[in-house]
Amino acid sequence: MYELKNNGFLTNNVVSFYYRATGGSIIKFGSYDKSGLKDPSKFYVFKTKNKNDWSLNLKSVTIWNSKGTQ
């Protein structure tokens, strides 16, 4: 990501994940789309541990299934 940004291929060091249980999930590099958010009030930004990888400091992660249950 940093190389892409430094070489002018990306405007921002951002990667966005849009998960849809029914298909059509996407990964977007360089920005995000508010139109891809089901509930914009639940938009979260996570900073990586360092600039060399995508490691995050998280206690837990929950992904909902298509019926909205864990």
PDB file of N, CA and C in Angstrom:
ATOM      1  N   MET A   1       0.824  -1.184   0.000  1.00  0.00           N
ATOM      2  CA  MET A   1       0.000   0.000   0.000  1.00  0.00           C
ATOM      3  C   MET A   1       0.873   1.255   0.000  1.00  0.00           C
ATOM      4  N   TYR A   2       1.912   1.275   0.831  1.00  0.00           N
ATOM      5  CA  TYR A   2       2.751   2.464   0.902  1.00  0.00           C
ATOM      6  C   TYR A   2       3.467   2.714  -0.415  1.00  0.00           C
ATOM      7  N   GLU A   3       3.913   1.652  -1.068  1.00  0.00           N
ATOM      8  CA  GLU A   3       4.554   1.795  -2.381  1.00  0.00           C
ATOM      9  C   GLU A   3       3.566   2.336  -3.403  1.00  0.00           C
ATOM     10  N   LEU A   4       2.329   1.821  -3.390  1.00  0.00           N
ATOM     11  CA  LEU A   4       1.307   2.311  -4.311  1.00  0.00           C
ATOM     12  C   LEU A   4       1.021   3.794  -4.065  1.00  0.00           C
ATOM     13  N   LYS A   5       0.933   4.195  -2.800  1.00  0.00           N
ATOM     14  CA  LYS A   5       0.700   5.595  -2.453  1.00  0.00           C
ATOM     15  C   LYS A   5       1.886   6.454  -2.857  1.00  0.00           C
ATOM     16  N   ASN A   6       3.095   5.996  -2.516  1.00  0.00           N
ATOM     17  CA  ASN A   6       4.294   6.773  -2.812  1.00  0.00           C
ATOM     18  C   ASN A   6       4.529   6.939  -4.311  1.00  0.00           C
ATOM     19  N   ASN A   7       4.056   6.006  -5.114  1.00  0.00           N
ATOM     20  CA  ASN A   7       4.227   6.076  -6.566  1.00  0.00           C
ATOM     21  C   ASN A   7       3.028   6.697  -7.276  1.00  0.00           C
ATOM     22  N   GLY A   8       2.063   7.241  -6.509  1.00  0.00           N
ATOM     23  CA  GLY A   8       0.959   7.981  -7.081  1.00  0.00           C
ATOM     24  C   GLY A   8      -0.209   7.156  -7.593  1.00  0.00           C
ATOM     25  N   PHE A   9      -0.227   5.847  -7.280  1.00  0.00           N
ATOM     26  CA  PHE A   9      -1.338   5.002  -7.731  1.00  0.00           C
ATOM     27  C   PHE A   9      -2.560   5.109  -6.821  1.00  0.00           C
ATOM     28  N   LEU A  10      -2.357   5.501  -5.574  1.00  0.00           N
ATOM     29  CA  LEU A  10      -3.448   5.668  -4.613  1.00  0.00           C
ATOM     30  C   LEU A  10      -3.420   7.075  -4.047  1.00  0.00           C
ATOM     31  N   THR A  11      -4.590   7.621  -3.754  1.00  0.00           N
ATOM     32  CA  THR A  11      -4.685   8.924  -3.114  1.00  0.00           C
ATOM     33  C   THR A  11      -4.456   8.795  -1.614  1.00  0.00           C
ATOM     34  N   ASN A  12      -4.982   7.706  -1.013  1.00  0.00           N
ATOM     35  CA  ASN A  12      -4.886   7.486   0.439  1.00  0.00           C
ATOM     36  C   ASN A  12      -4.459   6.054   0.730  1.00  0.00           C
ATOM     37  N   ASN A  13      -3.799   5.862   1.851  1.00  0.00           N
ATOM     38  CA  ASN A  13      -3.451   4.516   2.321  1.00  0.00           C
ATOM     39  C   ASN A  13      -4.645   3.915   3.031  1.00  0.00           C
ATOM     40  N   VAL A  14      -5.635   3.518   2.245  1.00  0.00           N
ATOM     41  CA  VAL A  14      -6.886   2.995   2.778  1.00  0.00           C
ATOM     42  C   VAL A  14      -7.271   1.750   2.000  1.00  0.00           C
ATOM     43  N   VAL A  15      -7.762   0.751   2.715  1.00  0.00           N
ATOM     44  CA  VAL A  15      -8.373  -0.405   2.068  1.00  0.00           C
ATOM     45  C   VAL A  15      -9.729  -0.610   2.724  1.00  0.00           C
ATOM     46  N   SER A  16     -10.747  -0.821   1.910  1.00  0.00           N
ATOM     47  CA  SER A  16     -12.112  -0.989   2.408  1.00  0.00           C
ATOM     48  C   SER A  16     -12.634  -2.360   2.019  1.00  0.00           C
ATOM     49  N   PHE A  17     -13.293  -3.016   2.960  1.00  0.00           N
ATOM     50  CA  PHE A  17     -13.887  -4.327   2.724  1.00  0.00           C
ATOM     51  C   PHE A  17     -15.400  -4.195   2.824  1.00  0.00           C
ATOM     52  N   TYR A  18     -16.106  -4.642   1.797  1.00  0.00           N
ATOM     53  CA  TYR A  18     -17.564  -4.637   1.792  1.00  0.00           C
ATOM     54  C   TYR A  18     -18.013  -6.083   1.679  1.00  0.00           C
ATOM     55  N   TYR A  19     -18.575  -6.602   2.753  1.00  0.00           N
ATOM     56  CA  TYR A  19     -19.005  -8.002   2.796  1.00  0.00           C
ATOM     57  C   TYR A  19     -20.505  -8.091   2.595  1.00  0.00           C
ATOM     58  N   ARG A  20     -20.903  -8.919   1.646  1.00  0.00           N
ATOM     59  CA  ARG A  20     -22.319  -9.212   1.420  1.00  0.00           C
ATOM     60  C   ARG A  20     -22.489 -10.721   1.434  1.00  0.00           C
ATOM     61  N   ALA A  21     -23.287 -11.228   2.331  1.00  0.00           N
ATOM     62  CA  ALA A  21     -23.490 -12.673   2.451  1.00  0.00           C
ATOM     63  C   ALA A  21     -24.104 -13.264   1.195  1.00  0.00           C
ATOM     64  N   THR A  22     -24.816 -12.455   0.433  1.00  0.00           N
ATOM     65  CA  THR A  22     -25.479 -12.940  -0.781  1.00  0.00           C
ATOM     66  C   THR A  22     -24.565 -12.883  -1.996  1.00  0.00           C
ATOM     67  N   GLY A  23     -23.333 -12.427  -1.831  1.00  0.00           N
ATOM     68  CA  GLY A  23     -22.391 -12.318  -2.938  1.00  0.00           C
ATOM     69  C   GLY A  23     -22.164 -10.869  -3.310  1.00  0.00           C
ATOM     70  N   GLY A  24     -21.189 -10.635  -4.164  1.00  0.00           N
ATOM     71  CA  GLY A  24     -20.882  -9.277  -4.584  1.00  0.00           C
ATOM     72  C   GLY A  24     -20.027  -8.499  -3.599  1.00  0.00           C
ATOM     73  N   SER A  25     -19.325  -9.194  -2.692  1.00  0.00           N
ATOM     74  CA  SER A  25     -18.424  -8.522  -1.762  1.00  0.00           C
ATOM     75  C   SER A  25     -17.249  -7.939  -2.539  1.00  0.00           C
ATOM     76  N   ILE A  26     -16.705  -6.816  -2.053  1.00  0.00           N
ATOM     77  CA  ILE A  26     -15.590  -6.191  -2.750  1.00  0.00           C
ATOM     78  C   ILE A  26     -14.529  -5.705  -1.771  1.00  0.00           C
ATOM     79  N   ILE A  27     -13.338  -5.514  -2.289  1.00  0.00           N
ATOM     80  CA  ILE A  27     -12.238  -4.857  -1.584  1.00  0.00           C
ATOM     81  C   ILE A  27     -11.864  -3.655  -2.440  1.00  0.00           C
ATOM     82  N   LYS A  28     -11.783  -2.489  -1.828  1.00  0.00           N
ATOM     83  CA  LYS A  28     -11.449  -1.273  -2.557  1.00  0.00           C
ATOM     84  C   LYS A  28     -10.185  -0.671  -1.960  1.00  0.00           C
ATOM     85  N   PHE A  29      -9.242  -0.330  -2.824  1.00  0.00           N
ATOM     86  CA  PHE A  29      -7.979   0.253  -2.384  1.00  0.00           C
ATOM     87  C   PHE A  29      -7.958   1.753  -2.670  1.00  0.00           C
ATOM     88  N   GLY A  30      -7.500   2.544  -1.709  1.00  0.00           N
ATOM     89  CA  GLY A  30      -7.315   3.973  -1.895  1.00  0.00           C
ATOM     90  C   GLY A  30      -8.431   4.850  -1.386  1.00  0.00           C
ATOM     91  N   SER A  31      -9.610   4.274  -1.100  1.00  0.00           N
ATOM     92  CA  SER A  31     -10.726   5.070  -0.591  1.00  0.00           C
ATOM     93  C   SER A  31     -11.841   4.154  -0.110  1.00  0.00           C
ATOM     94  N   TYR A  32     -12.996   4.745   0.205  1.00  0.00           N
ATOM     95  CA  TYR A  32     -14.175   3.972   0.583  1.00  0.00           C
ATOM     96  C   TYR A  32     -15.395   4.651  -0.023  1.00  0.00           C
ATOM     97  N   ASP A  33     -16.500   3.931  -0.077  1.00  0.00           N
ATOM     98  CA  ASP A  33     -17.752   4.472  -0.609  1.00  0.00           C
ATOM     99  C   ASP A  33     -18.824   4.444   0.456  1.00  0.00           C
ATOM    100  N   LYS A  34     -19.354   5.611   0.818  1.00  0.00           N
ATOM    101  CA  LYS A  34     -20.450   5.652   1.795  1.00  0.00           C
ATOM    102  C   LYS A  34     -21.660   4.876   1.300  1.00  0.00           C
ATOM    103  N   SER A  35     -21.851   4.827  -0.017  1.00  0.00           N
ATOM    104  CA  SER A  35     -23.004   4.105  -0.570  1.00  0.00           C
ATOM    105  C   SER A  35     -22.900   2.604  -0.319  1.00  0.00           C
ATOM    106  N   GLY A  36     -21.709   2.126  -0.005  1.00  0.00           N
ATOM    107  CA  GLY A  36     -21.522   0.711   0.290  1.00  0.00           C
ATOM    108  C   GLY A  36     -21.816   0.351   1.739  1.00  0.00           C
ATOM    109  N   LEU A  37     -22.125   1.333   2.550  1.00  0.00           N
ATOM    110  CA  LEU A  37     -22.381   1.101   3.974  1.00  0.00           C
ATOM    111  C   LEU A  37     -23.867   0.931   4.223  1.00  0.00           C
ATOM    112  N   LYS A  38     -24.217  -0.155   4.871  1.00  0.00           N
ATOM    113  CA  LYS A  38     -25.618  -0.369   5.238  1.00  0.00           C
ATOM    114  C   LYS A  38     -26.057   0.659   6.272  1.00  0.00           C
ATOM    115  N   ASP A  39     -25.206   0.903   7.248  1.00  0.00           N
ATOM    116  CA  ASP A  39     -25.486   1.867   8.310  1.00  0.00           C
ATOM    117  C   ASP A  39     -24.236   2.726   8.512  1.00  0.00           C
ATOM    118  N   PRO A  40     -24.174   3.929   7.918  1.00  0.00           N
ATOM    119  CA  PRO A  40     -22.979   4.777   8.028  1.00  0.00           C
ATOM    120  C   PRO A  40     -22.565   5.101   9.461  1.00  0.00           C
ATOM    121  N   SER A  41     -23.486   4.975  10.424  1.00  0.00           N
ATOM    122  CA  SER A  41     -23.115   5.234  11.817  1.00  0.00           C
ATOM    123  C   SER A  41     -22.251   4.119  12.382  1.00  0.00           C
ATOM    124  N   LYS A  42     -22.167   2.990  11.660  1.00  0.00           N
ATOM    125  CA  LYS A  42     -21.345   1.863  12.095  1.00  0.00           C
ATOM    126  C   LYS A  42     -20.124   1.703  11.193  1.00  0.00           C
ATOM    127  N   PHE A  43     -19.525   2.828  10.816  1.00  0.00           N
ATOM    128  CA  PHE A  43     -18.316   2.850  10.002  1.00  0.00           C
ATOM    129  C   PHE A  43     -17.119   2.895  10.944  1.00  0.00           C
ATOM    130  N   TYR A  44     -16.210   1.964  10.805  1.00  0.00           N
ATOM    131  CA  TYR A  44     -15.063   1.871  11.700  1.00  0.00           C
ATOM    132  C   TYR A  44     -13.758   1.963  10.928  1.00  0.00           C
ATOM    133  N   VAL A  45     -12.772   2.630  11.521  1.00  0.00           N
ATOM    134  CA  VAL A  45     -11.444   2.752  10.943  1.00  0.00           C
ATOM    135  C   VAL A  45     -10.468   2.078  11.899  1.00  0.00           C
ATOM    136  N   PHE A  46      -9.613   1.228  11.356  1.00  0.00           N
ATOM    137  CA  PHE A  46      -8.612   0.528  12.156  1.00  0.00           C
ATOM    138  C   PHE A  46      -7.228   0.861  11.614  1.00  0.00           C
ATOM    139  N   LYS A  47      -6.347   1.274  12.476  1.00  0.00           N
ATOM    140  CA  LYS A  47      -4.971   1.565  12.087  1.00  0.00           C
ATOM    141  C   LYS A  47      -4.126   0.301  12.248  1.00  0.00           C
ATOM    142  N   THR A  48      -3.290   0.018  11.258  1.00  0.00           N
ATOM    143  CA  THR A  48      -2.418  -1.158  11.353  1.00  0.00           C
ATOM    144  C   THR A  48      -1.346  -0.935  12.412  1.00  0.00           C
ATOM    145  N   LYS A  49      -0.782  -2.040  12.902  1.00  0.00           N
ATOM    146  CA  LYS A  49       0.244  -1.962  13.937  1.00  0.00           C
ATOM    147  C   LYS A  49       1.481  -1.220  13.446  1.00  0.00           C
ATOM    148  N   ASN A  50       1.825  -1.407  12.163  1.00  0.00           N
ATOM    149  CA  ASN A  50       2.968  -0.706  11.579  1.00  0.00           C
ATOM    150  C   ASN A  50       2.778  -0.610  10.070  1.00  0.00           C
ATOM    151  N   LYS A  51       3.641   0.112   9.388  1.00  0.00           N
ATOM    152  CA  LYS A  51       3.459   0.333   7.961  1.00  0.00           C
ATOM    153  C   LYS A  51       3.956  -0.815   7.091  1.00  0.00           C
ATOM    154  N   ASN A  52       4.501  -1.867   7.692  1.00  0.00           N
ATOM    155  CA  ASN A  52       5.058  -2.971   6.924  1.00  0.00           C
ATOM    156  C   ASN A  52       4.093  -4.120   6.674  1.00  0.00           C
ATOM    157  N   ASP A  53       2.958  -4.154   7.376  1.00  0.00           N
ATOM    158  CA  ASP A  53       1.987  -5.227   7.156  1.00  0.00           C
ATOM    159  C   ASP A  53       0.597  -4.760   7.567  1.00  0.00           C
ATOM    160  N   TRP A  54      -0.355  -5.657   7.454  1.00  0.00           N
ATOM    161  CA  TRP A  54      -1.756  -5.307   7.745  1.00  0.00           C
ATOM    162  C   TRP A  54      -2.209  -5.824   9.107  1.00  0.00           C
ATOM    163  N   SER A  55      -1.296  -6.091  10.015  1.00  0.00           N
ATOM    164  CA  SER A  55      -1.646  -6.595  11.343  1.00  0.00           C
ATOM    165  C   SER A  55      -2.431  -5.551  12.126  1.00  0.00           C
ATOM    166  N   LEU A  56      -3.453  -6.029  12.833  1.00  0.00           N
ATOM    167  CA  LEU A  56      -4.298  -5.157  13.659  1.00  0.00           C
ATOM    168  C   LEU A  56      -4.255  -5.617  15.103  1.00  0.00           C
ATOM    169  N   ASN A  57      -4.451  -4.697  16.030  1.00  0.00           N
ATOM    170  CA  ASN A  57      -4.612  -5.022  17.441  1.00  0.00           C
ATOM    171  C   ASN A  57      -6.110  -5.132  17.727  1.00  0.00           C
ATOM    172  N   LEU A  58      -6.648  -6.340  17.729  1.00  0.00           N
ATOM    173  CA  LEU A  58      -8.063  -6.569  17.980  1.00  0.00           C
ATOM    174  C   LEU A  58      -8.230  -7.596  19.093  1.00  0.00           C
ATOM    175  N   LYS A  59      -9.215  -7.402  19.940  1.00  0.00           N
ATOM    176  CA  LYS A  59      -9.527  -8.385  20.970  1.00  0.00           C
ATOM    177  C   LYS A  59     -10.375  -9.510  20.397  1.00  0.00           C
ATOM    178  N   SER A  60     -11.325  -9.164  19.519  1.00  0.00           N
ATOM    179  CA  SER A  60     -12.174 -10.181  18.892  1.00  0.00           C
ATOM    180  C   SER A  60     -12.795  -9.616  17.621  1.00  0.00           C
ATOM    181  N   VAL A  61     -13.255 -10.521  16.764  1.00  0.00           N
ATOM    182  CA  VAL A  61     -13.925 -10.140  15.519  1.00  0.00           C
ATOM    183  C   VAL A  61     -15.148 -11.026  15.367  1.00  0.00           C
ATOM    184  N   THR A  62     -16.284 -10.421  15.042  1.00  0.00           N
ATOM    185  CA  THR A  62     -17.509 -11.172  14.802  1.00  0.00           C
ATOM    186  C   THR A  62     -18.029 -10.835  13.419  1.00  0.00           C
ATOM    187  N   ILE A  63     -18.322 -11.845  12.623  1.00  0.00           N
ATOM    188  CA  ILE A  63     -18.924 -11.654  11.313  1.00  0.00           C
ATOM    189  C   ILE A  63     -20.296 -12.299  11.347  1.00  0.00           C
ATOM    190  N   TRP A  64     -21.315 -11.547  10.947  1.00  0.00           N
ATOM    191  CA  TRP A  64     -22.692 -12.027  10.985  1.00  0.00           C
ATOM    192  C   TRP A  64     -22.998 -12.873   9.768  1.00  0.00           C
ATOM    193  N   ASN A  65     -23.830 -13.899   9.959  1.00  0.00           N
ATOM    194  CA  ASN A  65     -24.246 -14.696   8.803  1.00  0.00           C
ATOM    195  C   ASN A  65     -25.415 -14.014   8.094  1.00  0.00           C
ATOM    196  N   SER A  66     -25.912 -14.591   7.029  1.00  0.00           N
ATOM    197  CA  SER A  66     -26.941 -13.947   6.208  1.00  0.00           C
ATOM    198  C   SER A  66     -28.276 -13.760   6.930  1.00  0.00           C
ATOM    199  N   LYS A  67     -28.496 -14.472   8.030  1.00  0.00           N
ATOM    200  CA  LYS A  67     -29.729 -14.325   8.800  1.00  0.00           C
ATOM    201  C   LYS A  67     -29.587 -13.300   9.916  1.00  0.00           C
ATOM    202  N   GLY A  68     -28.422 -12.661  10.016  1.00  0.00           N
ATOM    203  CA  GLY A  68     -28.214 -11.624  11.023  1.00  0.00           C
ATOM    204  C   GLY A  68     -27.896 -12.160  12.408  1.00  0.00           C
ATOM    205  N   THR A  69     -27.532 -13.438  12.504  1.00  0.00           N
ATOM    206  CA  THR A  69     -27.157 -13.993  13.798  1.00  0.00           C
ATOM    207  C   THR A  69     -25.684 -14.357  13.779  1.00  0.00           C
ATOM    208  N   GLN A  70     -25.123 -14.479  14.958  1.00  0.00           N
ATOM    209  CA  GLN A  70     -23.700 -14.813  15.057  1.00  0.00           C
ATOM    210  C   GLN A  70     -23.470 -16.295  14.886  1.00  0.00           C
TER     211      GLN A  70
END
